[in-house]
Amino acid sequence: MASLHLAVLLLLAFTASSSASWCVCKDGNEASLQKALDYACGAGADCNPIKQTGPCYNPNTVRAHCNYAVNSYFQKKGQAPLACDFAGAATVSASDPSTTGCSYPASAR
């Protein structure tokens, strides 16, 4: 019986630690990435960190800013899979896209 409890606890610990996900922009043309970025920022994403004075402004590329914006939107929507589509411009990832000085949220905070 004790081994069953241990197995259940290990399974729960593994499940909890592997549930983090982020939304990132796919490689694509800048116009589609800019459209996803604009939509996310206009629909509730916290885009302050990618403003010129923000900690996630650099690298100053459409793709980097798109990544931050779509992820913020995705997190605010409770990580709903459809909240990370952006007309096919984005996808869910299990890899944390954070960089030095720029932390991507992994929850709605």
C-alpha atoms as a PDB file:
ATOM      1  CA  MET A   1       0.000   0.000   0.000  1.00  0.00           C
ATOM      2  CA  ALA A   2       2.837   2.400   0.838  1.00  0.00           C
ATOM      3  CA  SER A   3       4.407   1.798  -2.565  1.00  0.00           C
ATOM      4  CA  LEU A   4       1.120   2.691  -4.245  1.00  0.00           C
ATOM      5  CA  HIS A   5       0.989   5.980  -2.334  1.00  0.00           C
ATOM      6  CA  LEU A   6       4.585   6.703  -3.290  1.00  0.00           C
ATOM      7  CA  ALA A   7       3.827   5.977  -6.947  1.00  0.00           C
ATOM      8  CA  VAL A   8       0.807   8.309  -6.877  1.00  0.00           C
ATOM      9  CA  LEU A   9       2.848  11.084  -5.243  1.00  0.00           C
ATOM     10  CA  LEU A  10       5.608  10.708  -7.828  1.00  0.00           C
ATOM     11  CA  LEU A  11       3.081  10.802 -10.649  1.00  0.00           C
ATOM     12  CA  LEU A  12       1.470  13.938  -9.231  1.00  0.00           C
ATOM     13  CA  ALA A  13       4.857  15.615  -8.776  1.00  0.00           C
ATOM     14  CA  PHE A  14       5.856  14.794 -12.347  1.00  0.00           C
ATOM     15  CA  THR A  15       2.556  16.028 -13.737  1.00  0.00           C
ATOM     16  CA  ALA A  16       2.732  19.290 -11.781  1.00  0.00           C
ATOM     17  CA  SER A  17       6.300  20.040 -12.841  1.00  0.00           C
ATOM     18  CA  SER A  18       5.693  19.333 -16.523  1.00  0.00           C
ATOM     19  CA  SER A  19       2.543  21.400 -16.967  1.00  0.00           C
ATOM     20  CA  ALA A  20       4.181  24.754 -17.694  1.00  0.00           C
ATOM     21  CA  SER A  21       3.666  25.978 -21.219  1.00  0.00           C
ATOM     22  CA  TRP A  22       4.294  29.120 -23.186  1.00  0.00           C
ATOM     23  CA  CYS A  23       3.034  30.493 -26.472  1.00  0.00           C
ATOM     24  CA  VAL A  24       5.642  31.505 -29.041  1.00  0.00           C
ATOM     25  CA  CYS A  25       5.519  32.835 -32.576  1.00  0.00           C
ATOM     26  CA  LYS A  26       6.473  30.514 -35.401  1.00  0.00           C
ATOM     27  CA  ASP A  27       9.093  31.409 -37.950  1.00  0.00           C
ATOM     28  CA  GLY A  28       7.214  33.291 -40.595  1.00  0.00           C
ATOM     29  CA  ASN A  29       6.894  36.502 -42.465  1.00  0.00           C
ATOM     30  CA  GLU A  30       7.104  39.657 -40.416  1.00  0.00           C
ATOM     31  CA  ALA A  31       3.658  40.838 -41.533  1.00  0.00           C
ATOM     32  CA  SER A  32       1.897  37.851 -39.925  1.00  0.00           C
ATOM     33  CA  LEU A  33       4.018  38.165 -36.768  1.00  0.00           C
ATOM     34  CA  GLN A  34       3.265  41.898 -36.561  1.00  0.00           C
ATOM     35  CA  LYS A  35      -0.443  41.162 -36.948  1.00  0.00           C
ATOM     36  CA  ALA A  36      -0.292  38.631 -34.081  1.00  0.00           C
ATOM     37  CA  LEU A  37       1.680  41.112 -31.954  1.00  0.00           C
ATOM     38  CA  ASP A  38      -0.801  43.925 -32.619  1.00  0.00           C
ATOM     39  CA  TYR A  39      -3.790  41.705 -31.895  1.00  0.00           C
ATOM     40  CA  ALA A  40      -2.348  40.361 -28.632  1.00  0.00           C
ATOM     41  CA  CYS A  41      -1.416  43.834 -27.359  1.00  0.00           C
ATOM     42  CA  GLY A  42      -4.835  45.195 -28.315  1.00  0.00           C
ATOM     43  CA  ALA A  43      -6.734  42.285 -26.765  1.00  0.00           C
ATOM     44  CA  GLY A  44      -5.387  42.313 -23.226  1.00  0.00           C
ATOM     45  CA  ALA A  45      -1.764  41.162 -23.302  1.00  0.00           C
ATOM     46  CA  ASP A  46       0.617  43.050 -21.019  1.00  0.00           C
ATOM     47  CA  CYS A  47       2.892  44.624 -23.615  1.00  0.00           C
ATOM     48  CA  ASN A  48       4.590  47.126 -21.292  1.00  0.00           C
ATOM     49  CA  PRO A  49       7.730  44.942 -20.977  1.00  0.00           C
ATOM     50  CA  ILE A  50       8.340  45.174 -24.748  1.00  0.00           C
ATOM     51  CA  LYS A  51       8.066  48.958 -24.885  1.00  0.00           C
ATOM     52  CA  GLN A  52      11.329  50.794 -25.519  1.00  0.00           C
ATOM     53  CA  THR A  53      12.036  51.291 -21.804  1.00  0.00           C
ATOM     54  CA  GLY A  54      10.887  47.782 -20.816  1.00  0.00           C
ATOM     55  CA  PRO A  55      13.063  44.850 -19.747  1.00  0.00           C
ATOM     56  CA  CYS A  56      12.006  42.771 -22.785  1.00  0.00           C
ATOM     57  CA  TYR A  57      12.497  45.426 -25.468  1.00  0.00           C
ATOM     58  CA  ASN A  58      15.760  43.838 -26.616  1.00  0.00           C
ATOM     59  CA  PRO A  59      16.207  42.098 -28.865  1.00  0.00           C
ATOM     60  CA  ASN A  60      14.226  44.688 -30.774  1.00  0.00           C
ATOM     61  CA  THR A  61      12.777  42.373 -33.408  1.00  0.00           C
ATOM     62  CA  VAL A  62       9.213  41.709 -34.498  1.00  0.00           C
ATOM     63  CA  ARG A  63       9.590  38.018 -33.639  1.00  0.00           C
ATOM     64  CA  ALA A  64      10.928  38.650 -30.118  1.00  0.00           C
ATOM     65  CA  HIS A  65       8.176  41.171 -29.367  1.00  0.00           C
ATOM     66  CA  CYS A  66       5.595  38.849 -30.912  1.00  0.00           C
ATOM     67  CA  ASN A  67       6.771  36.018 -28.642  1.00  0.00           C
ATOM     68  CA  TYR A  68       6.312  38.107 -25.535  1.00  0.00           C
ATOM     69  CA  ALA A  69       2.926  39.509 -26.546  1.00  0.00           C
ATOM     70  CA  VAL A  70       1.314  36.238 -27.642  1.00  0.00           C
ATOM     71  CA  ASN A  71       2.585  34.499 -24.519  1.00  0.00           C
ATOM     72  CA  SER A  72       1.141  37.198 -22.274  1.00  0.00           C
ATOM     73  CA  TYR A  73      -2.210  36.865 -24.052  1.00  0.00           C
ATOM     74  CA  PHE A  74      -2.073  33.061 -23.805  1.00  0.00           C
ATOM     75  CA  GLN A  75      -1.357  33.181 -20.073  1.00  0.00           C
ATOM     76  CA  LYS A  76      -4.148  35.687 -19.427  1.00  0.00           C
ATOM     77  CA  LYS A  77      -6.539  33.326 -21.235  1.00  0.00           C
ATOM     78  CA  GLY A  78      -5.607  30.494 -18.860  1.00  0.00           C
ATOM     79  CA  GLN A  79      -3.381  28.690 -21.371  1.00  0.00           C
ATOM     80  CA  ALA A  80      -6.362  27.748 -23.519  1.00  0.00           C
ATOM     81  CA  PRO A  81      -4.904  26.076 -26.639  1.00  0.00           C
ATOM     82  CA  LEU A  82      -6.974  28.222 -29.010  1.00  0.00           C
ATOM     83  CA  ALA A  83      -5.542  31.338 -27.344  1.00  0.00           C
ATOM     84  CA  CYS A  84      -2.199  30.449 -28.929  1.00  0.00           C
ATOM     85  CA  ASP A  85      -3.081  30.255 -32.596  1.00  0.00           C
ATOM     86  CA  PHE A  86      -3.088  33.789 -33.997  1.00  0.00           C
ATOM     87  CA  ALA A  87      -4.129  32.624 -37.472  1.00  0.00           C
ATOM     88  CA  GLY A  88      -1.405  29.977 -37.406  1.00  0.00           C
ATOM     89  CA  ALA A  89       1.381  32.398 -36.465  1.00  0.00           C
ATOM     90  CA  ALA A  90       1.995  30.920 -32.982  1.00  0.00           C
ATOM     91  CA  THR A  91       2.257  27.589 -31.210  1.00  0.00           C
ATOM     92  CA  VAL A  92       2.367  26.210 -27.660  1.00  0.00           C
ATOM     93  CA  SER A  93       5.826  25.301 -26.372  1.00  0.00           C
ATOM     94  CA  ALA A  94       7.076  23.459 -23.290  1.00  0.00           C
ATOM     95  CA  SER A  95      10.378  25.378 -23.469  1.00  0.00           C
ATOM     96  CA  ASP A  96      10.650  28.599 -21.495  1.00  0.00           C
ATOM     97  CA  PRO A  97      11.505  31.391 -23.978  1.00  0.00           C
ATOM     98  CA  SER A  98      12.742  33.735 -21.209  1.00  0.00           C
ATOM     99  CA  THR A  99      16.085  35.410 -21.753  1.00  0.00           C
ATOM    100  CA  THR A 100      18.513  37.154 -19.429  1.00  0.00           C
ATOM    101  CA  GLY A 101      16.652  40.108 -17.931  1.00  0.00           C
ATOM    102  CA  CYS A 102      13.338  39.176 -19.561  1.00  0.00           C
ATOM    103  CA  SER A 103      11.140  36.682 -17.793  1.00  0.00           C
ATOM    104  CA  TYR A 104       8.152  35.315 -19.711  1.00  0.00           C
ATOM    105  CA  PRO A 105       5.122  34.634 -17.517  1.00  0.00           C
ATOM    106  CA  ALA A 106       4.087  31.002 -17.130  1.00  0.00           C
ATOM    107  CA  SER A 107       0.720  31.884 -15.590  1.00  0.00           C
ATOM    108  CA  ALA A 108      -1.901  34.632 -15.665  1.00  0.00           C
ATOM    109  CA  ARG A 109      -0.353  36.509 -12.698  1.00  0.00           C
END
